[in-house]
N, C-alpha and C. Protein backbone atom coordinates (compact mmCIF):
# COMPACT_ATOMS: atom_id res chain seq x y z
N MET A 1 -4.94 -7.81 15.15
CA MET A 1 -3.74 -7.70 15.74
C MET A 1 -2.58 -8.88 15.39
N PRO A 2 -1.50 -8.29 14.71
CA PRO A 2 -0.27 -9.01 14.00
C PRO A 2 0.03 -9.56 15.83
N LEU A 3 0.72 -11.20 15.36
CA LEU A 3 1.28 -12.29 16.15
C LEU A 3 2.75 -12.54 16.01
N CYS A 4 3.17 -12.35 17.09
CA CYS A 4 4.59 -13.06 16.99
C CYS A 4 4.42 -14.63 16.59
N ALA A 5 5.71 -15.04 16.31
CA ALA A 5 5.62 -16.47 16.15
C ALA A 5 4.96 -17.60 17.42
N SER A 6 5.44 -17.05 18.46
CA SER A 6 5.02 -17.93 19.46
C SER A 6 3.53 -17.50 20.06
N GLY A 7 2.84 -16.68 19.00
CA GLY A 7 1.66 -16.43 19.82
C GLY A 7 1.18 -15.25 20.21
N GLN A 8 2.22 -14.35 20.91
CA GLN A 8 2.17 -13.06 21.69
C GLN A 8 1.89 -11.60 20.51
N SER A 9 0.96 -11.16 21.10
CA SER A 9 0.62 -9.91 20.05
C SER A 9 1.35 -9.18 20.15
N PHE A 10 1.84 -8.11 19.36
CA PHE A 10 2.48 -6.64 19.15
C PHE A 10 2.04 -6.07 18.43
N LEU A 11 1.99 -4.69 18.75
CA LEU A 11 1.72 -3.67 17.86
C LEU A 11 2.56 -2.55 17.77
N ALA A 12 2.84 -1.79 16.65
CA ALA A 12 3.73 -0.38 16.66
C ALA A 12 3.48 0.35 17.86
N GLY A 13 4.28 1.09 18.48
CA GLY A 13 3.85 1.84 19.75
C GLY A 13 3.71 1.01 20.84
N ARG A 14 4.07 -0.30 21.07
CA ARG A 14 3.72 -1.07 22.24
C ARG A 14 5.13 -1.90 22.34
N SER A 15 5.60 -2.16 23.40
CA SER A 15 6.74 -2.62 23.72
C SER A 15 6.26 -3.95 24.50
N ILE A 16 6.61 -4.90 23.63
CA ILE A 16 7.05 -6.13 24.61
C ILE A 16 8.16 -6.64 25.34
N PRO A 17 8.12 -6.94 26.51
CA PRO A 17 9.62 -7.60 26.96
C PRO A 17 10.17 -8.62 26.32
N ARG A 18 11.33 -8.73 26.26
CA ARG A 18 12.12 -9.55 25.62
C ARG A 18 11.75 -11.11 26.30
N SER A 19 11.59 -11.22 27.50
CA SER A 19 11.07 -12.20 28.31
C SER A 19 9.70 -12.72 27.81
N ALA A 20 9.20 -11.95 26.97
CA ALA A 20 7.52 -12.42 26.94
C ALA A 20 7.79 -13.22 25.82
N CYS A 21 8.43 -13.31 25.09
CA CYS A 21 8.25 -14.06 23.74
C CYS A 21 9.86 -14.37 23.01
N GLY A 22 10.21 -15.93 22.79
CA GLY A 22 11.18 -16.15 22.29
C GLY A 22 11.72 -15.68 21.27
N PHE A 23 10.82 -15.21 20.49
CA PHE A 23 10.66 -14.88 19.08
C PHE A 23 11.21 -13.19 18.80
N CYS A 24 11.20 -12.89 19.82
CA CYS A 24 10.91 -11.12 19.49
C CYS A 24 12.27 -10.89 20.19
N CYS A 25 13.39 -10.76 19.54
CA CYS A 25 15.03 -10.31 19.77
C CYS A 25 15.26 -9.06 20.84
N SER A 26 14.13 -8.04 20.21
CA SER A 26 14.35 -6.75 20.85
C SER A 26 12.46 -6.35 20.98
N SER A 27 12.25 -5.31 22.00
CA SER A 27 10.91 -4.91 22.08
C SER A 27 10.63 -4.14 20.42
N ILE A 28 9.56 -4.04 20.47
CA ILE A 28 9.17 -3.24 19.50
C ILE A 28 9.04 -1.28 19.96
N PRO A 29 10.13 -0.83 19.30
CA PRO A 29 9.87 0.67 19.84
C PRO A 29 8.66 1.46 19.72
N ARG A 30 8.51 2.54 20.40
CA ARG A 30 7.39 3.22 20.17
C ARG A 30 7.45 4.27 18.68
N MET A 31 6.37 4.02 18.07
CA MET A 31 6.78 4.48 16.90
C MET A 31 6.27 6.35 17.04
N ARG A 32 7.16 6.86 16.17
CA ARG A 32 7.06 8.63 16.44
C ARG A 32 6.21 9.00 15.28
N PRO A 33 5.14 9.94 15.33
CA PRO A 33 4.22 10.32 15.04
C PRO A 33 4.40 10.40 13.30
N GLN A 34 5.21 10.77 12.92
CA GLN A 34 5.20 10.96 11.72
C GLN A 34 5.80 9.94 10.91
N TYR A 35 5.71 8.43 11.48
CA TYR A 35 6.19 7.33 10.64
C TYR A 35 4.77 6.74 9.87
N THR A 36 3.75 7.44 10.61
CA THR A 36 2.35 6.39 10.31
C THR A 36 1.58 7.31 9.02
N GLY A 37 1.10 6.55 8.55
CA GLY A 37 0.04 7.24 7.41
C GLY A 37 0.94 7.34 6.24
N PHE A 38 1.95 6.80 5.78
CA PHE A 38 2.68 7.58 4.72
C PHE A 38 2.85 6.10 3.68
N VAL A 39 2.42 5.08 3.85
CA VAL A 39 2.74 3.97 3.24
C VAL A 39 2.03 4.06 1.66
N ASN A 40 0.96 4.74 1.77
CA ASN A 40 0.37 4.48 0.17
C ASN A 40 0.60 6.24 -0.22
N SER A 41 1.18 7.27 -0.05
CA SER A 41 1.77 8.33 -0.41
C SER A 41 3.35 8.40 -0.55
N VAL A 42 3.74 9.48 -1.67
CA VAL A 42 4.93 9.60 -1.48
C VAL A 42 5.44 11.20 -1.02
N ILE A 43 5.97 10.86 0.23
CA ILE A 43 6.25 11.90 1.47
C ILE A 43 7.44 11.99 1.27
N ILE A 44 8.54 12.87 1.39
CA ILE A 44 9.85 12.72 1.30
C ILE A 44 10.15 13.15 2.79
N ARG A 45 10.86 12.85 3.40
CA ARG A 45 11.15 13.45 4.75
C ARG A 45 12.87 13.56 5.09
N ASP A 46 13.28 14.20 5.64
CA ASP A 46 14.64 14.39 5.92
C ASP A 46 15.20 13.44 6.75
N TYR A 47 16.24 12.94 6.49
CA TYR A 47 17.24 11.64 7.26
C TYR A 47 16.58 11.74 8.58
N ASP A 48 16.31 10.42 9.44
CA ASP A 48 15.98 10.35 10.25
C ASP A 48 16.66 9.24 11.18
N PRO A 49 17.81 9.69 12.41
CA PRO A 49 19.03 8.66 12.67
C PRO A 49 18.01 7.45 13.42
N HIS A 50 16.85 7.51 13.77
CA HIS A 50 16.20 6.55 14.31
C HIS A 50 15.89 5.04 13.08
N TRP A 51 16.10 5.83 11.88
CA TRP A 51 15.70 4.61 10.92
C TRP A 51 16.82 3.21 11.39
N PRO A 52 17.78 3.28 11.42
CA PRO A 52 18.63 2.13 11.33
C PRO A 52 18.13 1.28 12.50
N GLN A 53 17.79 1.78 13.58
CA GLN A 53 17.07 1.22 15.11
C GLN A 53 15.95 0.61 14.52
N LEU A 54 15.09 1.08 13.47
CA LEU A 54 13.88 0.58 13.35
C LEU A 54 14.25 -0.85 12.54
N PHE A 55 15.21 -0.37 11.66
CA PHE A 55 15.74 -1.75 11.18
C PHE A 55 16.18 -2.92 11.66
N GLU A 56 16.85 -2.79 12.34
CA GLU A 56 17.08 -3.59 13.38
C GLU A 56 16.33 -4.20 14.20
N THR A 57 15.20 -3.24 14.79
CA THR A 57 14.04 -4.19 15.09
C THR A 57 13.55 -5.58 14.22
N LEU A 58 13.16 -4.54 12.97
CA LEU A 58 12.67 -5.69 12.13
C LEU A 58 13.32 -6.78 11.51
N ARG A 59 14.82 -6.63 11.47
CA ARG A 59 15.76 -7.58 11.28
C ARG A 59 15.67 -9.00 12.14
N SER A 60 15.71 -8.47 13.38
CA SER A 60 15.67 -9.23 14.61
C SER A 60 14.47 -10.29 14.43
N ARG A 61 13.53 -9.29 14.23
CA ARG A 61 12.22 -10.43 14.40
C ARG A 61 11.94 -11.43 13.00
N ILE A 62 12.81 -11.03 12.30
CA ILE A 62 12.38 -11.45 10.87
C ILE A 62 13.32 -12.70 11.23
N GLU A 63 14.34 -12.66 11.46
CA GLU A 63 15.40 -13.71 11.45
C GLU A 63 15.05 -14.39 12.60
N ALA A 64 14.38 -14.42 13.70
CA ALA A 64 13.63 -15.45 14.55
C ALA A 64 12.98 -15.78 13.66
N VAL A 65 11.91 -15.32 12.98
CA VAL A 65 10.70 -16.17 12.17
C VAL A 65 11.28 -17.13 11.58
N ILE A 66 12.29 -16.64 10.41
CA ILE A 66 12.65 -17.83 9.61
C ILE A 66 13.80 -18.79 9.77
N GLN A 67 14.44 -18.63 10.80
CA GLN A 67 15.31 -19.34 11.67
C GLN A 67 16.00 -20.01 10.81
N GLY A 68 17.16 -19.17 10.80
CA GLY A 68 18.44 -19.65 9.96
C GLY A 68 18.46 -19.99 8.46
N MET A 69 17.23 -19.68 7.65
CA MET A 69 17.09 -19.77 6.26
C MET A 69 17.57 -18.57 5.53
N ALA A 70 18.10 -17.55 6.34
CA ALA A 70 18.71 -16.36 5.39
C ALA A 70 20.32 -16.59 5.43
N ALA A 71 20.55 -15.74 4.34
CA ALA A 71 21.96 -15.77 4.34
C ALA A 71 22.57 -14.53 4.49
N ALA A 72 21.47 -13.33 4.64
CA ALA A 72 21.64 -12.00 4.90
C ALA A 72 20.20 -11.23 5.26
N ILE A 73 20.29 -10.43 6.02
CA ILE A 73 18.81 -9.52 5.84
C ILE A 73 19.58 -8.30 5.68
N GLU A 74 19.23 -7.32 5.13
CA GLU A 74 19.80 -6.19 4.75
C GLU A 74 18.89 -4.89 5.38
N HIS A 75 19.29 -3.80 5.25
CA HIS A 75 18.76 -2.48 5.04
C HIS A 75 19.02 -1.95 3.99
N VAL A 76 18.17 -1.74 3.30
CA VAL A 76 18.28 -1.23 1.61
C VAL A 76 17.42 0.29 1.38
N GLY A 77 17.65 0.65 0.42
CA GLY A 77 16.80 2.00 0.23
C GLY A 77 17.32 3.20 0.37
N SER A 78 16.77 3.73 0.18
CA SER A 78 16.93 5.64 1.02
C SER A 78 16.96 5.72 2.27
N THR A 79 16.54 4.77 3.49
CA THR A 79 16.46 5.31 4.75
C THR A 79 17.92 4.43 4.92
N ALA A 80 18.58 3.51 4.13
CA ALA A 80 19.73 3.31 4.76
C ALA A 80 20.86 3.99 4.49
N VAL A 81 20.60 4.82 3.84
CA VAL A 81 21.85 5.72 3.28
C VAL A 81 21.89 6.70 4.43
N PRO A 82 23.01 7.00 5.50
CA PRO A 82 22.66 8.19 6.30
C PRO A 82 22.79 9.58 5.73
N GLY A 83 22.13 10.48 6.51
CA GLY A 83 22.09 11.62 5.72
C GLY A 83 20.95 11.59 4.13
N LEU A 84 20.36 10.91 3.63
CA LEU A 84 19.50 10.93 2.29
C LEU A 84 18.17 10.83 2.96
N ALA A 85 17.61 12.08 2.24
CA ALA A 85 15.88 12.44 2.27
C ALA A 85 15.47 11.07 2.08
N ALA A 86 14.03 11.00 2.73
CA ALA A 86 13.75 9.39 2.07
C ALA A 86 11.83 9.13 2.56
N LYS A 87 11.34 8.42 1.99
CA LYS A 87 9.84 8.28 2.60
C LYS A 87 10.29 7.38 3.83
N PRO A 88 9.47 7.54 4.79
CA PRO A 88 9.72 7.29 5.92
C PRO A 88 9.00 5.50 6.09
N ILE A 89 9.58 4.96 5.67
CA ILE A 89 9.54 3.27 5.19
C ILE A 89 10.67 2.76 4.89
N ILE A 90 10.89 1.72 5.75
CA ILE A 90 11.88 0.80 5.77
C ILE A 90 12.08 -0.03 4.84
N ASP A 91 13.02 -0.53 3.77
CA ASP A 91 13.47 -1.34 2.72
C ASP A 91 13.98 -2.28 3.62
N VAL A 92 13.57 -3.49 3.63
CA VAL A 92 14.38 -4.77 4.07
C VAL A 92 14.07 -5.63 2.92
N ASP A 93 15.55 -6.28 2.51
CA ASP A 93 15.87 -7.20 1.88
C ASP A 93 16.46 -8.89 2.66
N VAL A 94 15.76 -9.77 2.21
CA VAL A 94 16.10 -11.11 3.18
C VAL A 94 16.87 -12.03 1.86
N LEU A 95 18.17 -12.50 1.60
CA LEU A 95 18.61 -13.41 1.02
C LEU A 95 18.43 -14.47 1.63
N LEU A 96 17.85 -15.60 0.32
CA LEU A 96 17.76 -16.82 0.99
C LEU A 96 18.86 -17.53 1.02
N MET A 97 19.22 -18.57 2.11
CA MET A 97 20.32 -19.43 1.84
C MET A 97 20.31 -20.40 0.42
N SER A 98 18.98 -21.26 0.34
CA SER A 98 18.30 -22.06 -0.67
C SER A 98 17.26 -21.17 -1.18
N ALA A 99 16.69 -21.37 -2.57
CA ALA A 99 15.98 -20.89 -3.62
C ALA A 99 14.51 -22.29 -3.11
N THR A 100 15.22 -23.09 -2.79
CA THR A 100 14.30 -24.29 -1.97
C THR A 100 13.38 -23.75 -0.75
N ASP A 101 13.98 -23.35 0.09
CA ASP A 101 13.34 -22.83 1.21
C ASP A 101 12.02 -21.91 1.21
N LEU A 102 11.95 -21.51 -0.07
CA LEU A 102 11.01 -20.57 -0.26
C LEU A 102 9.72 -20.58 -0.03
N PRO A 103 9.13 -21.71 0.21
CA PRO A 103 7.74 -22.18 0.50
C PRO A 103 7.44 -21.83 1.54
N LEU A 104 8.50 -22.52 2.64
CA LEU A 104 8.53 -22.52 4.23
C LEU A 104 8.95 -21.39 4.59
N VAL A 105 9.69 -20.30 4.03
CA VAL A 105 9.93 -18.78 4.19
C VAL A 105 8.36 -18.18 4.06
N ILE A 106 7.64 -18.30 3.15
CA ILE A 106 6.24 -17.72 2.90
C ILE A 106 5.24 -18.47 4.17
N ALA A 107 5.39 -19.36 4.33
CA ALA A 107 4.43 -19.92 5.26
C ALA A 107 4.79 -19.33 7.00
N LYS A 108 6.01 -19.08 7.09
CA LYS A 108 6.37 -18.35 8.32
C LYS A 108 6.42 -17.23 8.55
N LEU A 109 6.76 -16.51 7.62
CA LEU A 109 6.19 -15.05 7.42
C LEU A 109 4.72 -14.64 7.51
N ALA A 110 3.75 -15.54 6.89
CA ALA A 110 2.53 -15.73 6.79
C ALA A 110 2.08 -16.03 8.53
N SER A 111 2.87 -16.76 9.08
CA SER A 111 2.20 -16.85 10.52
C SER A 111 2.36 -15.75 11.39
N VAL A 112 3.18 -14.60 11.14
CA VAL A 112 3.09 -13.37 11.80
C VAL A 112 2.48 -12.55 11.07
N ARG A 113 1.92 -13.04 9.89
CA ARG A 113 0.99 -11.84 9.44
C ARG A 113 1.59 -11.01 8.19
N TYR A 114 2.48 -11.52 7.81
CA TYR A 114 2.94 -10.69 6.40
C TYR A 114 2.37 -11.49 5.37
N GLN A 115 1.65 -10.57 4.22
CA GLN A 115 0.96 -11.28 3.35
C GLN A 115 1.86 -11.28 1.91
N HIS A 116 1.76 -12.51 1.34
CA HIS A 116 3.09 -12.72 0.07
C HIS A 116 2.32 -11.97 -0.94
N ARG A 117 2.71 -11.34 -1.91
CA ARG A 117 1.94 -10.74 -3.00
C ARG A 117 2.72 -10.72 -4.34
N GLY A 118 3.49 -12.08 -3.93
CA GLY A 118 3.82 -12.19 -4.94
C GLY A 118 5.30 -11.39 -5.65
N ASP A 119 5.98 -11.51 -7.16
CA ASP A 119 6.86 -10.57 -7.78
C ASP A 119 6.65 -9.54 -8.08
N LEU A 120 5.43 -9.40 -7.82
CA LEU A 120 4.99 -7.74 -8.41
C LEU A 120 5.69 -7.41 -9.75
N GLY A 121 5.61 -8.10 -10.73
CA GLY A 121 6.35 -7.98 -12.17
C GLY A 121 8.13 -7.88 -12.10
N VAL A 122 8.78 -8.18 -11.04
CA VAL A 122 10.20 -8.28 -10.87
C VAL A 122 10.62 -9.71 -10.64
N ALA A 123 10.80 -10.23 -11.52
CA ALA A 123 11.04 -11.67 -11.40
C ALA A 123 12.36 -11.93 -10.57
N GLY A 124 12.76 -13.03 -9.86
CA GLY A 124 13.50 -12.91 -8.92
C GLY A 124 13.26 -12.39 -7.20
N ARG A 125 12.48 -11.94 -7.60
CA ARG A 125 12.15 -11.08 -6.00
C ARG A 125 10.41 -11.61 -5.39
N GLU A 126 10.23 -11.79 -4.07
CA GLU A 126 9.19 -11.97 -3.69
C GLU A 126 8.83 -10.87 -2.47
N ALA A 127 7.45 -10.12 -3.15
CA ALA A 127 7.06 -8.94 -2.09
C ALA A 127 6.50 -9.35 -0.91
N PHE A 128 6.45 -8.69 0.28
CA PHE A 128 5.35 -9.01 1.21
C PHE A 128 4.65 -7.82 1.80
N ARG A 129 3.60 -7.93 1.83
CA ARG A 129 2.93 -6.67 2.98
C ARG A 129 2.90 -7.04 4.19
N ALA A 130 3.38 -5.55 4.92
CA ALA A 130 3.65 -5.34 6.55
C ALA A 130 2.39 -6.02 7.20
N PRO A 131 2.33 -6.55 8.61
CA PRO A 131 1.30 -6.96 9.50
C PRO A 131 0.45 -5.74 9.73
N PRO A 132 -0.77 -5.58 9.27
CA PRO A 132 -1.31 -4.82 10.10
C PRO A 132 -1.03 -3.43 11.17
N ASN A 133 -0.85 -2.19 10.89
CA ASN A 133 -0.56 -1.53 12.83
C ASN A 133 0.97 -1.92 12.66
N ASP A 134 1.77 -2.46 12.14
CA ASP A 134 3.43 -3.00 12.15
C ASP A 134 3.97 -1.25 11.78
N LEU A 135 5.40 -1.31 12.24
CA LEU A 135 6.11 -0.40 11.27
C LEU A 135 6.24 -0.27 10.19
N PRO A 136 5.75 0.85 9.46
CA PRO A 136 6.14 0.89 7.90
C PRO A 136 6.68 0.31 7.48
N HIS A 137 7.12 -0.67 6.57
CA HIS A 137 8.33 -1.54 6.24
C HIS A 137 7.78 -2.31 4.69
N HIS A 138 8.62 -2.47 3.87
CA HIS A 138 8.56 -3.25 2.79
C HIS A 138 9.61 -4.18 3.13
N LEU A 139 8.92 -5.70 2.58
CA LEU A 139 10.10 -6.68 2.88
C LEU A 139 9.84 -7.47 1.62
N TYR A 140 11.06 -8.12 1.16
CA TYR A 140 11.26 -8.43 -0.16
C TYR A 140 12.29 -9.64 0.28
N VAL A 141 12.19 -10.96 -0.50
CA VAL A 141 13.07 -12.18 -0.24
C VAL A 141 13.08 -12.36 -1.38
N PHE A 142 14.87 -12.71 -1.47
CA PHE A 142 15.37 -13.16 -3.12
C PHE A 142 15.92 -14.84 -2.34
N PRO A 143 16.15 -15.61 -3.87
CA PRO A 143 16.97 -16.51 -3.53
C PRO A 143 18.23 -16.30 -3.96
N SER A 144 19.01 -17.29 -3.51
CA SER A 144 20.25 -16.61 -3.30
C SER A 144 21.02 -16.99 -5.05
N ARG A 145 22.00 -15.83 -5.09
CA ARG A 145 22.61 -15.46 -6.13
C ARG A 145 21.43 -14.52 -6.95
N SER A 146 20.65 -13.70 -6.47
CA SER A 146 19.60 -12.75 -6.94
C SER A 146 20.22 -11.83 -7.79
N PRO A 147 20.12 -11.44 -8.92
CA PRO A 147 20.85 -10.19 -9.71
C PRO A 147 19.76 -9.00 -9.44
N GLU A 148 18.39 -9.16 -8.87
CA GLU A 148 18.22 -7.85 -8.32
C GLU A 148 18.20 -7.69 -6.86
N TYR A 149 18.92 -8.66 -5.96
CA TYR A 149 19.23 -8.14 -4.64
C TYR A 149 20.47 -7.61 -4.75
N SER A 150 21.31 -7.79 -5.80
CA SER A 150 22.68 -7.35 -6.24
C SER A 150 22.70 -5.92 -6.60
N ARG A 151 21.64 -5.73 -7.27
CA ARG A 151 21.38 -4.39 -7.64
C ARG A 151 20.98 -3.68 -6.58
N HIS A 152 20.26 -4.07 -5.82
CA HIS A 152 19.59 -3.20 -4.33
C HIS A 152 20.93 -2.79 -3.40
N MET A 153 21.68 -3.94 -3.60
CA MET A 153 22.80 -3.68 -2.58
C MET A 153 24.04 -2.52 -3.20
N SER A 154 24.36 -2.74 -4.42
CA SER A 154 24.99 -1.88 -5.43
C SER A 154 24.60 -0.28 -5.11
N PHE A 155 23.32 -0.16 -5.34
CA PHE A 155 22.22 1.46 -5.47
C PHE A 155 23.08 1.84 -3.91
N ARG A 156 22.47 1.15 -3.08
CA ARG A 156 22.46 1.66 -1.44
C ARG A 156 23.96 1.74 -1.26
N ASP A 157 25.16 0.94 -2.00
CA ASP A 157 26.23 1.18 -1.04
C ASP A 157 27.63 2.06 -2.07
N TYR A 158 26.42 2.51 -3.32
CA TYR A 158 27.28 3.54 -4.51
C TYR A 158 27.28 4.56 -3.36
N LEU A 159 25.71 5.34 -3.03
CA LEU A 159 25.00 6.14 -2.31
C LEU A 159 26.05 6.63 -1.07
N ARG A 160 26.12 5.40 -0.66
CA ARG A 160 26.65 5.44 0.86
C ARG A 160 28.03 6.10 0.72
N THR A 161 28.77 5.71 -0.18
CA THR A 161 29.88 6.26 -0.32
C THR A 161 30.44 7.69 -1.28
N HIS A 162 29.03 7.91 -1.97
CA HIS A 162 29.18 9.22 -2.68
C HIS A 162 28.22 10.23 -2.67
N PRO A 163 28.22 11.02 -1.77
CA PRO A 163 27.63 11.72 -0.98
C PRO A 163 26.76 12.95 -2.17
N ALA A 164 27.75 13.42 -3.10
CA ALA A 164 27.61 14.60 -3.80
C ALA A 164 26.15 13.71 -5.08
N SER A 165 26.22 12.54 -5.04
CA SER A 165 25.04 11.64 -5.83
C SER A 165 23.93 11.45 -4.76
N ALA A 166 24.26 11.17 -3.53
CA ALA A 166 23.42 11.39 -2.65
C ALA A 166 22.06 12.41 -2.43
N ASN A 167 22.94 13.64 -2.68
CA ASN A 167 22.37 14.60 -2.45
C ASN A 167 21.70 15.15 -3.75
N SER A 168 21.93 14.48 -4.94
CA SER A 168 21.16 14.77 -6.22
C SER A 168 19.90 14.08 -5.99
N TYR A 169 20.02 12.97 -5.47
CA TYR A 169 19.03 11.64 -5.65
C TYR A 169 17.78 12.65 -4.76
N ALA A 170 18.13 13.14 -3.36
CA ALA A 170 17.12 13.52 -2.47
C ALA A 170 17.07 14.56 -3.54
N SER A 171 17.42 15.79 -3.84
CA SER A 171 16.80 16.75 -4.48
C SER A 171 15.46 16.18 -5.67
N LEU A 172 16.39 14.93 -6.35
CA LEU A 172 15.46 14.31 -7.56
C LEU A 172 14.06 14.28 -6.66
N LYS A 173 14.02 13.46 -5.84
CA LYS A 173 12.85 12.91 -4.77
C LYS A 173 11.94 13.70 -4.36
N ARG A 174 12.21 14.92 -3.74
CA ARG A 174 11.62 15.93 -3.70
C ARG A 174 10.70 16.29 -4.78
N GLU A 175 11.61 16.72 -5.69
CA GLU A 175 10.89 17.49 -6.90
C GLU A 175 9.64 16.29 -7.50
N LEU A 176 10.32 15.15 -7.73
CA LEU A 176 9.16 14.36 -8.18
C LEU A 176 8.05 14.05 -7.33
N ALA A 177 8.39 13.86 -5.67
CA ALA A 177 6.99 14.10 -4.96
C ALA A 177 6.14 15.07 -5.15
N ARG A 178 6.55 16.02 -5.07
CA ARG A 178 5.82 17.33 -5.62
C ARG A 178 4.61 17.05 -6.89
N LYS A 179 5.50 16.37 -7.86
CA LYS A 179 4.76 16.38 -8.63
C LYS A 179 3.92 14.76 -9.30
N PHE A 180 4.34 13.78 -8.41
CA PHE A 180 3.43 12.49 -8.28
C PHE A 180 2.94 11.98 -7.15
N GLY A 181 2.70 13.06 -6.01
CA GLY A 181 2.93 12.58 -4.75
C GLY A 181 1.66 11.68 -4.43
N ASP A 182 0.74 11.75 -5.52
CA ASP A 182 -0.29 10.61 -5.25
C ASP A 182 -0.36 9.79 -6.18
N ASP A 183 0.70 9.35 -6.90
CA ASP A 183 0.85 8.69 -7.89
C ASP A 183 2.08 7.57 -7.85
N ARG A 184 2.44 6.87 -6.84
CA ARG A 184 3.61 5.93 -6.64
C ARG A 184 4.65 5.36 -7.56
N GLU A 185 3.42 4.95 -8.73
CA GLU A 185 3.97 4.24 -9.83
C GLU A 185 4.85 5.13 -10.63
N ALA A 186 4.23 6.24 -10.93
CA ALA A 186 4.83 7.28 -11.73
C ALA A 186 6.35 8.01 -10.88
N TYR A 187 5.88 8.06 -10.09
CA TYR A 187 7.15 8.59 -9.07
C TYR A 187 8.17 7.61 -9.58
N THR A 188 7.98 6.15 -9.01
CA THR A 188 9.07 5.28 -9.14
C THR A 188 9.74 5.39 -10.41
N GLN A 189 8.78 5.32 -11.80
CA GLN A 189 9.06 5.54 -13.02
C GLN A 189 10.13 6.44 -13.17
N ALA A 190 9.81 7.78 -12.60
CA ALA A 190 10.67 8.91 -12.99
C ALA A 190 11.89 8.92 -12.28
N LYS A 191 12.07 8.04 -11.70
CA LYS A 191 13.47 7.75 -10.69
C LYS A 191 13.99 6.79 -11.41
N SER A 192 13.68 6.18 -12.46
CA SER A 192 14.18 4.98 -12.93
C SER A 192 15.73 5.41 -13.95
N LYS A 193 15.71 6.33 -14.43
CA LYS A 193 16.76 6.78 -15.40
C LYS A 193 18.25 7.33 -14.42
N PHE A 194 17.93 7.84 -13.15
CA PHE A 194 18.79 8.41 -12.18
C PHE A 194 19.22 6.88 -11.58
N VAL A 195 18.43 5.93 -11.27
CA VAL A 195 18.85 4.55 -10.68
C VAL A 195 19.71 3.98 -11.37
N ALA A 196 19.20 3.81 -12.97
CA ALA A 196 20.59 3.15 -14.31
C ALA A 196 21.12 3.69 -13.98
N GLU A 197 21.90 5.04 -13.95
CA GLU A 197 23.02 6.07 -13.77
C GLU A 197 23.64 5.21 -12.99
N ILE A 198 23.33 5.28 -11.46
CA ILE A 198 24.04 4.94 -10.29
C ILE A 198 24.28 3.78 -10.73
N LEU A 199 23.87 2.78 -10.78
CA LEU A 199 24.18 1.22 -11.07
C LEU A 199 25.32 1.28 -12.30
N ARG A 200 25.54 1.95 -13.13
CA ARG A 200 26.39 2.03 -14.23
C ARG A 200 27.51 2.54 -13.76
N ARG A 201 27.58 3.67 -12.86
CA ARG A 201 28.80 4.33 -12.32
C ARG A 201 29.42 3.11 -11.20
N PHE A 202 28.27 2.95 -10.47
CA PHE A 202 28.99 1.44 -9.42
C PHE A 202 29.37 0.25 -10.28
N ASP A 203 28.94 -0.11 -11.22
CA ASP A 203 29.78 -1.40 -12.02
C ASP A 203 31.08 -0.66 -12.46
N GLU A 204 30.99 0.50 -12.97
CA GLU A 204 32.16 1.49 -13.60
C GLU A 204 33.53 1.55 -12.36
N THR A 205 32.90 1.86 -11.26
CA THR A 205 34.02 1.99 -10.44
C THR A 205 34.48 0.52 -9.99
N SER A 206 33.76 -0.62 -10.14
CA SER A 206 33.80 -1.87 -9.65
C SER A 206 34.79 -2.38 -10.42
N THR A 207 34.80 -2.19 -12.10
CA THR A 207 35.72 -2.68 -12.91
C THR A 207 36.98 -1.76 -12.86
N ASN A 208 36.92 -0.73 -12.29
CA ASN A 208 38.45 -0.11 -12.48
C ASN A 208 38.99 -0.52 -11.13
N ALA A 209 38.47 -0.65 -9.74
CA ALA A 209 38.99 -1.08 -9.01
C ALA A 209 39.76 -2.52 -8.70
N ASP A 210 39.00 -3.34 -9.74
CA ASP A 210 39.49 -5.09 -10.39
C ASP A 210 40.41 -4.78 -11.06
N ARG A 211 40.90 -3.71 -12.23
CA ARG A 211 41.94 -3.34 -12.65
C ARG A 211 42.86 -3.09 -11.72
N GLU A 212 43.22 -2.26 -10.81
CA GLU A 212 44.13 -1.67 -10.01
C GLU A 212 44.71 -2.65 -9.08
N ARG A 213 43.74 -3.83 -9.11
CA ARG A 213 44.52 -4.82 -8.00
C ARG A 213 45.73 -5.48 -8.56
């Protein structure tokens, strides 16, 4: 059973009063049935307005555990774009104040049952497996000035402000999920061209905006 930083137990689907644990900034909301069982499959769901609330629950808990070492804790990925269909798994990015804090952050996250998985082939990004029976989510930790963190933010922000592109992305994901439902790596690779194009458009838009200033 996963433990919070003070040793109190928590499970997705069970709420803990705020007074029970000084590290739990909010209670864990009850899991809705459609959130369970999809971590290892490619299943796309219509946008759920509860996703931002789930992120806030995770953000508050992570922020309390790493105690001021984060410059930012952001909701990224498709569940962070209002109206966008997505896998029902929350993506959380943590940007560190200092890269030298990474070993301590890894230790603190391990104390609440996060499993450090290394960079998984993406330099400058540390991945963590969520505690057992927790809200389905991916946690990534980045050093300050991380280009990969900037890519995540740029992709999210472009889709938030360009609904037509977000709709195209939703259609692409549904098509690829039908084709690669049991192969997450192939699914991710098949999206790479679209992702690269969105990042190109973001850079172009940013450059034009700078010229107009």
